[in-house]
Amino acid sequence: MAHLVHTAHTIAFNSRSAYTLDVATLVGERPTWTTAALLESAAAYGGELLPGFYESWIVLERARLAVVFDRRMGRLLERLIAEQRWDDTLAWAERWIDLDDAPEPAYRALMRAYAALGDASGVMITYRRCRAALRVEMGVAPSPETRRLVESLTHGAAAEPHPAATTAAAEPGARERPPGPAVADERQGLKAALARVEVERQRADCYRLGLSMVILLISAAGATLAQRQSIKG
């Protein structure tokens, strides 16, 4: 069945045709998230939505989809690490880095994979990449979790337990527990999303300003031409 239906005067998308939508594959929830389902969902994201367009609804939707992708990638890398699929971990962590500004969990996954493969230099190179990316993109240093991980991996100690499998021990007399790694990652993801929204807002302002200048120039040119024609007449 054709994806488009048309008449002599109209054209429309045929919603009854056999089609797939990448956004639906990305954001759709599953009763059970298998590794294969996470791979399919993450693979559907090809980068920011409608690059080059800065209308307010596009900026918000672009940020929303980026946050969903970050969440899917975080779960996927946790699963790949648990299954010790190190080559897949390296490939998907690099994909996340390529599509995002500075996803710190992706760098941690890379460091774990390199350590498991016995590549100590890969661990340090990845940490330096992470530090540089965070400084350039967000003006911050790596989180304490990332620093603890690189120290444990480069000093020959066993890598710290995976965040999903640990619970923080309460300090004596402490009234509140510090936020765990999952909460810290969520906050970091929110900060990154807000930073992306701010960048898109600034781009939108520049776009509107440029468009206004073009309209003013065209209007001025039109008025000048009309004036000249009036004088000639």
C-alpha atoms as a PDB file:
ATOM      1  CA  MET A   1       0.000   0.000   0.000  1.00  0.00           C
ATOM      2  CA  ALA A   2       1.376   3.431  -0.955  1.00  0.00           C
ATOM      3  CA  HIS A   3       2.554   5.777   1.786  1.00  0.00           C
ATOM      4  CA  LEU A   4       1.116   8.816  -0.004  1.00  0.00           C
ATOM      5  CA  VAL A   5      -2.381   9.332  -1.367  1.00  0.00           C
ATOM      6  CA  HIS A   6      -3.172  12.169  -3.742  1.00  0.00           C
ATOM      7  CA  THR A   7      -5.782  13.640  -5.967  1.00  0.00           C
ATOM      8  CA  ALA A   8      -5.546  16.388  -8.551  1.00  0.00           C
ATOM      9  CA  HIS A   9      -5.615  19.008  -5.755  1.00  0.00           C
ATOM     10  CA  THR A  10      -4.413  17.322  -2.544  1.00  0.00           C
ATOM     11  CA  ILE A  11      -1.644  15.103  -1.218  1.00  0.00           C
ATOM     12  CA  ALA A  12      -1.585  13.364   2.164  1.00  0.00           C
ATOM     13  CA  PHE A  13       0.201  10.673   4.149  1.00  0.00           C
ATOM     14  CA  ASN A  14      -1.569   7.331   4.221  1.00  0.00           C
ATOM     15  CA  SER A  15      -1.675   6.354   7.895  1.00  0.00           C
ATOM     16  CA  ARG A  16      -3.028   2.913   6.956  1.00  0.00           C
ATOM     17  CA  SER A  17       0.096   1.991   5.028  1.00  0.00           C
ATOM     18  CA  ALA A  18       2.770  -0.306   6.459  1.00  0.00           C
ATOM     19  CA  TYR A  19       5.208   2.248   7.858  1.00  0.00           C
ATOM     20  CA  THR A  20       7.536   2.672  10.817  1.00  0.00           C
ATOM     21  CA  LEU A  21       8.269   5.939  12.596  1.00  0.00           C
ATOM     22  CA  ASP A  22      11.665   6.411  14.215  1.00  0.00           C
ATOM     23  CA  VAL A  23      10.299   8.706  16.933  1.00  0.00           C
ATOM     24  CA  ALA A  24       7.668   6.122  17.895  1.00  0.00           C
ATOM     25  CA  THR A  25      10.355   3.428  18.069  1.00  0.00           C
ATOM     26  CA  LEU A  26      12.486   5.637  20.310  1.00  0.00           C
ATOM     27  CA  VAL A  27       9.852   6.855  22.776  1.00  0.00           C
ATOM     28  CA  GLY A  28       7.584   3.792  22.837  1.00  0.00           C
ATOM     29  CA  GLU A  29       7.617   1.947  26.145  1.00  0.00           C
ATOM     30  CA  ARG A  30       7.901  -1.838  26.343  1.00  0.00           C
ATOM     31  CA  PRO A  31       6.506  -4.201  28.999  1.00  0.00           C
ATOM     32  CA  THR A  32       9.970  -5.764  29.213  1.00  0.00           C
ATOM     33  CA  TRP A  33      13.120  -4.069  28.027  1.00  0.00           C
ATOM     34  CA  THR A  34      15.287  -6.812  26.582  1.00  0.00           C
ATOM     35  CA  THR A  35      18.737  -6.005  25.243  1.00  0.00           C
ATOM     36  CA  ALA A  36      17.411  -6.382  21.697  1.00  0.00           C
ATOM     37  CA  ALA A  37      14.562  -3.930  22.405  1.00  0.00           C
ATOM     38  CA  LEU A  38      16.980  -1.375  23.861  1.00  0.00           C
ATOM     39  CA  LEU A  39      19.224  -1.741  20.813  1.00  0.00           C
ATOM     40  CA  GLU A  40      16.280  -1.180  18.475  1.00  0.00           C
ATOM     41  CA  SER A  41      15.077   1.866  20.393  1.00  0.00           C
ATOM     42  CA  ALA A  42      18.511   3.480  20.620  1.00  0.00           C
ATOM     43  CA  ALA A  43      19.256   2.782  16.953  1.00  0.00           C
ATOM     44  CA  ALA A  44      16.126   4.734  15.929  1.00  0.00           C
ATOM     45  CA  TYR A  45      17.680   8.022  17.100  1.00  0.00           C
ATOM     46  CA  GLY A  46      19.728   9.586  14.319  1.00  0.00           C
ATOM     47  CA  GLY A  47      20.530  12.913  15.925  1.00  0.00           C
ATOM     48  CA  GLU A  48      18.775  16.139  16.825  1.00  0.00           C
ATOM     49  CA  LEU A  49      15.296  16.732  15.454  1.00  0.00           C
ATOM     50  CA  LEU A  50      15.025  19.069  12.434  1.00  0.00           C
ATOM     51  CA  PRO A  51      18.495  20.661  12.674  1.00  0.00           C
ATOM     52  CA  GLY A  52      18.541  24.244  11.479  1.00  0.00           C
ATOM     53  CA  PHE A  53      14.984  25.013  12.600  1.00  0.00           C
ATOM     54  CA  TYR A  54      14.472  27.010  15.791  1.00  0.00           C
ATOM     55  CA  GLU A  55      10.747  27.435  16.291  1.00  0.00           C
ATOM     56  CA  SER A  56       9.849  27.073  19.971  1.00  0.00           C
ATOM     57  CA  TRP A  57       7.956  23.783  19.584  1.00  0.00           C
ATOM     58  CA  ILE A  58      10.866  22.250  17.668  1.00  0.00           C
ATOM     59  CA  VAL A  59      13.376  23.323  20.317  1.00  0.00           C
ATOM     60  CA  LEU A  60      11.317  21.739  23.104  1.00  0.00           C
ATOM     61  CA  GLU A  61      10.608  18.539  21.175  1.00  0.00           C
ATOM     62  CA  ARG A  62      14.263  18.282  20.175  1.00  0.00           C
ATOM     63  CA  ALA A  63      15.318  18.480  23.839  1.00  0.00           C
ATOM     64  CA  ARG A  64      12.639  15.959  24.880  1.00  0.00           C
ATOM     65  CA  LEU A  65      13.776  13.367  22.353  1.00  0.00           C
ATOM     66  CA  ALA A  66      17.413  13.904  23.329  1.00  0.00           C
ATOM     67  CA  VAL A  67      16.534  13.189  26.976  1.00  0.00           C
ATOM     68  CA  VAL A  68      14.667  10.010  25.990  1.00  0.00           C
ATOM     69  CA  PHE A  69      17.668   8.898  23.935  1.00  0.00           C
ATOM     70  CA  ASP A  70      19.996   9.542  26.876  1.00  0.00           C
ATOM     71  CA  ARG A  71      17.768   7.415  29.110  1.00  0.00           C
ATOM     72  CA  ARG A  72      17.681   4.572  26.587  1.00  0.00           C
ATOM     73  CA  MET A  73      21.441   4.684  26.118  1.00  0.00           C
ATOM     74  CA  GLY A  74      22.064   4.621  29.855  1.00  0.00           C
ATOM     75  CA  ARG A  75      19.976   1.467  30.235  1.00  0.00           C
ATOM     76  CA  LEU A  76      21.506  -0.140  27.156  1.00  0.00           C
ATOM     77  CA  LEU A  77      25.084   0.378  28.333  1.00  0.00           C
ATOM     78  CA  GLU A  78      24.213  -0.968  31.789  1.00  0.00           C
ATOM     79  CA  ARG A  79      22.837  -4.092  30.121  1.00  0.00           C
ATOM     80  CA  LEU A  80      25.831  -4.529  27.798  1.00  0.00           C
ATOM     81  CA  ILE A  81      28.253  -4.148  30.697  1.00  0.00           C
ATOM     82  CA  ALA A  82      26.302  -6.673  32.782  1.00  0.00           C
ATOM     83  CA  GLU A  83      26.475  -9.101  29.847  1.00  0.00           C
ATOM     84  CA  GLN A  84      30.205  -8.337  29.377  1.00  0.00           C
ATOM     85  CA  ARG A  85      29.689  -7.437  25.725  1.00  0.00           C
ATOM     86  CA  TRP A  86      32.705  -5.178  25.647  1.00  0.00           C
ATOM     87  CA  ASP A  87      32.961  -4.562  21.902  1.00  0.00           C
ATOM     88  CA  ASP A  88      29.280  -3.599  21.780  1.00  0.00           C
ATOM     89  CA  THR A  89      29.793  -1.392  24.828  1.00  0.00           C
ATOM     90  CA  LEU A  90      32.612   0.466  23.071  1.00  0.00           C
ATOM     91  CA  ALA A  91      30.601   0.896  19.865  1.00  0.00           C
ATOM     92  CA  TRP A  92      27.409   2.162  21.518  1.00  0.00           C
ATOM     93  CA  ALA A  93      29.183   4.412  24.001  1.00  0.00           C
ATOM     94  CA  GLU A  94      31.010   6.077  21.094  1.00  0.00           C
ATOM     95  CA  ARG A  95      27.707   6.462  19.251  1.00  0.00           C
ATOM     96  CA  TRP A  96      26.219   8.217  22.286  1.00  0.00           C
ATOM     97  CA  ILE A  97      29.205  10.562  22.469  1.00  0.00           C
ATOM     98  CA  ASP A  98      28.937  11.262  18.735  1.00  0.00           C
ATOM     99  CA  LEU A  99      25.258  12.230  19.008  1.00  0.00           C
ATOM    100  CA  ASP A 100      25.385  14.127  22.314  1.00  0.00           C
ATOM    101  CA  ASP A 101      27.517  16.917  23.740  1.00  0.00           C
ATOM    102  CA  ALA A 102      29.243  15.235  26.685  1.00  0.00           C
ATOM    103  CA  PRO A 103      27.356  12.211  28.092  1.00  0.00           C
ATOM    104  CA  GLU A 104      29.443  11.344  31.146  1.00  0.00           C
ATOM    105  CA  PRO A 105      27.911   7.847  31.617  1.00  0.00           C
ATOM    106  CA  ALA A 106      29.098   6.964  28.102  1.00  0.00           C
ATOM    107  CA  TYR A 107      32.687   7.807  29.037  1.00  0.00           C
ATOM    108  CA  ARG A 108      32.398   5.706  32.187  1.00  0.00           C
ATOM    109  CA  ALA A 109      31.123   2.785  30.110  1.00  0.00           C
ATOM    110  CA  LEU A 110      34.094   3.177  27.769  1.00  0.00           C
ATOM    111  CA  MET A 111      36.506   3.148  30.712  1.00  0.00           C
ATOM    112  CA  ARG A 112      34.934  -0.019  32.124  1.00  0.00           C
ATOM    113  CA  ALA A 113      35.114  -1.741  28.743  1.00  0.00           C
ATOM    114  CA  TYR A 114      38.746  -0.778  28.161  1.00  0.00           C
ATOM    115  CA  ALA A 115      39.659  -1.952  31.663  1.00  0.00           C
ATOM    116  CA  ALA A 116      37.919  -5.293  31.073  1.00  0.00           C
ATOM    117  CA  LEU A 117      39.867  -5.670  27.818  1.00  0.00           C
ATOM    118  CA  GLY A 118      43.143  -4.939  29.609  1.00  0.00           C
ATOM    119  CA  ASP A 119      43.695  -1.594  27.862  1.00  0.00           C
ATOM    120  CA  ALA A 120      44.928   0.726  30.640  1.00  0.00           C
ATOM    121  CA  SER A 121      45.933   3.466  28.196  1.00  0.00           C
ATOM    122  CA  GLY A 122      42.405   3.405  26.745  1.00  0.00           C
ATOM    123  CA  VAL A 123      41.033   4.069  30.219  1.00  0.00           C
ATOM    124  CA  MET A 124      43.203   7.153  30.710  1.00  0.00           C
ATOM    125  CA  ILE A 125      42.670   8.478  27.185  1.00  0.00           C
ATOM    126  CA  THR A 126      38.904   8.157  27.666  1.00  0.00           C
ATOM    127  CA  TYR A 127      39.046   9.980  31.002  1.00  0.00           C
ATOM    128  CA  ARG A 128      40.985  12.847  29.425  1.00  0.00           C
ATOM    129  CA  ARG A 129      38.453  13.013  26.586  1.00  0.00           C
ATOM    130  CA  CYS A 130      35.653  13.149  29.153  1.00  0.00           C
ATOM    131  CA  ARG A 131      37.338  15.902  31.151  1.00  0.00           C
ATOM    132  CA  ALA A 132      37.979  18.003  28.051  1.00  0.00           C
ATOM    133  CA  ALA A 133      34.446  17.536  26.691  1.00  0.00           C
ATOM    134  CA  LEU A 134      32.798  18.488  29.972  1.00  0.00           C
ATOM    135  CA  ARG A 135      34.979  21.577  30.268  1.00  0.00           C
ATOM    136  CA  VAL A 136      34.243  22.750  26.721  1.00  0.00           C
ATOM    137  CA  GLU A 137      30.536  21.878  26.547  1.00  0.00           C
ATOM    138  CA  MET A 138      29.361  22.632  30.087  1.00  0.00           C
ATOM    139  CA  GLY A 139      32.228  24.271  31.925  1.00  0.00           C
ATOM    140  CA  VAL A 140      32.334  21.598  34.637  1.00  0.00           C
ATOM    141  CA  ALA A 141      34.756  18.942  35.856  1.00  0.00           C
ATOM    142  CA  PRO A 142      34.044  15.186  35.846  1.00  0.00           C
ATOM    143  CA  SER A 143      31.754  14.027  38.632  1.00  0.00           C
ATOM    144  CA  PRO A 144      33.118  12.346  41.795  1.00  0.00           C
ATOM    145  CA  GLU A 145      31.772   9.030  40.484  1.00  0.00           C
ATOM    146  CA  THR A 146      33.825   9.316  37.307  1.00  0.00           C
ATOM    147  CA  ARG A 147      36.957  10.330  39.227  1.00  0.00           C
ATOM    148  CA  ARG A 148      36.552   7.426  41.652  1.00  0.00           C
ATOM    149  CA  LEU A 149      36.096   5.025  38.749  1.00  0.00           C
ATOM    150  CA  VAL A 150      39.230   6.093  36.878  1.00  0.00           C
ATOM    151  CA  GLU A 151      41.256   5.961  40.087  1.00  0.00           C
ATOM    152  CA  SER A 152      40.084   2.438  40.863  1.00  0.00           C
ATOM    153  CA  LEU A 153      40.718   1.249  37.305  1.00  0.00           C
ATOM    154  CA  THR A 154      44.151   2.809  36.930  1.00  0.00           C
ATOM    155  CA  HIS A 155      45.463   1.794  40.354  1.00  0.00           C
ATOM    156  CA  GLY A 156      44.889  -1.905  39.717  1.00  0.00           C
ATOM    157  CA  ALA A 157      41.981  -2.134  42.158  1.00  0.00           C
ATOM    158  CA  ALA A 158      38.827  -3.951  41.227  1.00  0.00           C
ATOM    159  CA  ALA A 159      36.376  -1.679  39.511  1.00  0.00           C
ATOM    160  CA  GLU A 160      33.700  -0.349  41.780  1.00  0.00           C
ATOM    161  CA  PRO A 161      30.387  -2.274  41.701  1.00  0.00           C
ATOM    162  CA  HIS A 162      27.970  -1.159  39.057  1.00  0.00           C
ATOM    163  CA  PRO A 163      25.646   1.610  40.355  1.00  0.00           C
ATOM    164  CA  ALA A 164      22.516  -0.479  39.733  1.00  0.00           C
ATOM    165  CA  ALA A 165      23.816  -3.208  42.032  1.00  0.00           C
ATOM    166  CA  THR A 166      24.913  -1.057  44.989  1.00  0.00           C
ATOM    167  CA  THR A 167      23.225   0.818  47.780  1.00  0.00           C
ATOM    168  CA  ALA A 168      24.775   3.643  49.727  1.00  0.00           C
ATOM    169  CA  ALA A 169      25.540   2.974  53.375  1.00  0.00           C
ATOM    170  CA  ALA A 170      24.190   5.597  55.734  1.00  0.00           C
ATOM    171  CA  GLU A 171      26.804   7.489  57.686  1.00  0.00           C
ATOM    172  CA  PRO A 172      26.402   7.496  61.486  1.00  0.00           C
ATOM    173  CA  GLY A 173      24.341  10.435  62.571  1.00  0.00           C
ATOM    174  CA  ALA A 174      23.625  11.562  59.031  1.00  0.00           C
ATOM    175  CA  ARG A 175      20.144  12.977  58.537  1.00  0.00           C
ATOM    176  CA  GLU A 176      20.059  12.567  54.778  1.00  0.00           C
ATOM    177  CA  ARG A 177      21.800  10.288  52.350  1.00  0.00           C
ATOM    178  CA  PRO A 178      23.693  11.906  49.511  1.00  0.00           C
ATOM    179  CA  PRO A 179      22.094  11.284  46.135  1.00  0.00           C
ATOM    180  CA  GLY A 180      23.146   7.969  44.631  1.00  0.00           C
ATOM    181  CA  PRO A 181      24.749   7.568  41.200  1.00  0.00           C
ATOM    182  CA  ALA A 182      21.403   7.093  39.455  1.00  0.00           C
ATOM    183  CA  VAL A 183      20.086  10.385  40.871  1.00  0.00           C
ATOM    184  CA  ALA A 184      23.346  12.131  40.029  1.00  0.00           C
ATOM    185  CA  ASP A 185      23.175  10.891  36.445  1.00  0.00           C
ATOM    186  CA  GLU A 186      19.549  12.028  36.163  1.00  0.00           C
ATOM    187  CA  ARG A 187      20.488  15.488  37.417  1.00  0.00           C
ATOM    188  CA  GLN A 188      23.457  15.622  35.050  1.00  0.00           C
ATOM    189  CA  GLY A 189      21.170  14.622  32.191  1.00  0.00           C
ATOM    190  CA  LEU A 190      18.685  17.337  33.136  1.00  0.00           C
ATOM    191  CA  LYS A 191      21.461  19.935  33.269  1.00  0.00           C
ATOM    192  CA  ALA A 192      22.669  18.853  29.845  1.00  0.00           C
ATOM    193  CA  ALA A 193      19.125  19.030  28.452  1.00  0.00           C
ATOM    194  CA  LEU A 194      18.627  22.533  29.881  1.00  0.00           C
ATOM    195  CA  ALA A 195      21.961  23.586  28.405  1.00  0.00           C
ATOM    196  CA  ARG A 196      20.842  22.282  24.999  1.00  0.00           C
ATOM    197  CA  VAL A 197      17.563  24.190  25.278  1.00  0.00           C
ATOM    198  CA  GLU A 198      19.450  27.396  26.113  1.00  0.00           C
ATOM    199  CA  VAL A 199      21.756  26.952  23.112  1.00  0.00           C
ATOM    200  CA  GLU A 200      18.751  26.348  20.851  1.00  0.00           C
ATOM    201  CA  ARG A 201      17.029  29.432  22.289  1.00  0.00           C
ATOM    202  CA  GLN A 202      20.065  31.570  21.502  1.00  0.00           C
ATOM    203  CA  ARG A 203      20.192  30.158  17.982  1.00  0.00           C
ATOM    204  CA  ALA A 204      16.494  30.928  17.559  1.00  0.00           C
ATOM    205  CA  ASP A 205      17.066  34.531  18.697  1.00  0.00           C
ATOM    206  CA  CYS A 206      19.897  34.928  16.179  1.00  0.00           C
ATOM    207  CA  TYR A 207      17.706  33.403  13.461  1.00  0.00           C
ATOM    208  CA  ARG A 208      14.821  35.786  14.222  1.00  0.00           C
ATOM    209  CA  LEU A 209      17.178  38.782  14.340  1.00  0.00           C
ATOM    210  CA  GLY A 210      18.711  37.842  10.998  1.00  0.00           C
ATOM    211  CA  LEU A 211      15.280  37.325   9.457  1.00  0.00           C
ATOM    212  CA  SER A 212      14.118  40.712  10.765  1.00  0.00           C
ATOM    213  CA  MET A 213      17.155  42.406   9.236  1.00  0.00           C
ATOM    214  CA  VAL A 214      16.509  40.743   5.878  1.00  0.00           C
ATOM    215  CA  ILE A 215      12.855  41.865   5.951  1.00  0.00           C
ATOM    216  CA  LEU A 216      13.903  45.441   6.821  1.00  0.00           C
ATOM    217  CA  LEU A 217      16.449  45.509   4.008  1.00  0.00           C
ATOM    218  CA  ILE A 218      13.922  44.173   1.507  1.00  0.00           C
ATOM    219  CA  SER A 219      11.325  46.712   2.690  1.00  0.00           C
ATOM    220  CA  ALA A 220      13.850  49.551   2.421  1.00  0.00           C
ATOM    221  CA  ALA A 221      14.907  48.436  -1.039  1.00  0.00           C
ATOM    222  CA  GLY A 222      11.277  48.224  -2.114  1.00  0.00           C
ATOM    223  CA  ALA A 223      10.510  51.688  -0.763  1.00  0.00           C
ATOM    224  CA  THR A 224      13.563  53.153  -2.529  1.00  0.00           C
ATOM    225  CA  LEU A 225      12.569  51.529  -5.827  1.00  0.00           C
ATOM    226  CA  ALA A 226       9.009  52.802  -5.494  1.00  0.00           C
ATOM    227  CA  GLN A 227      10.332  56.281  -4.803  1.00  0.00           C
ATOM    228  CA  ARG A 228      12.541  56.219  -7.886  1.00  0.00           C
ATOM    229  CA  GLN A 229       9.697  55.015 -10.067  1.00  0.00           C
ATOM    230  CA  SER A 230       7.474  57.773  -8.668  1.00  0.00           C
ATOM    231  CA  ILE A 231      10.104  60.402  -9.474  1.00  0.00           C
ATOM    232  CA  LYS A 232      10.548  59.044 -13.004  1.00  0.00           C
ATOM    233  CA  GLY A 233       6.772  59.050 -13.492  1.00  0.00           C
END
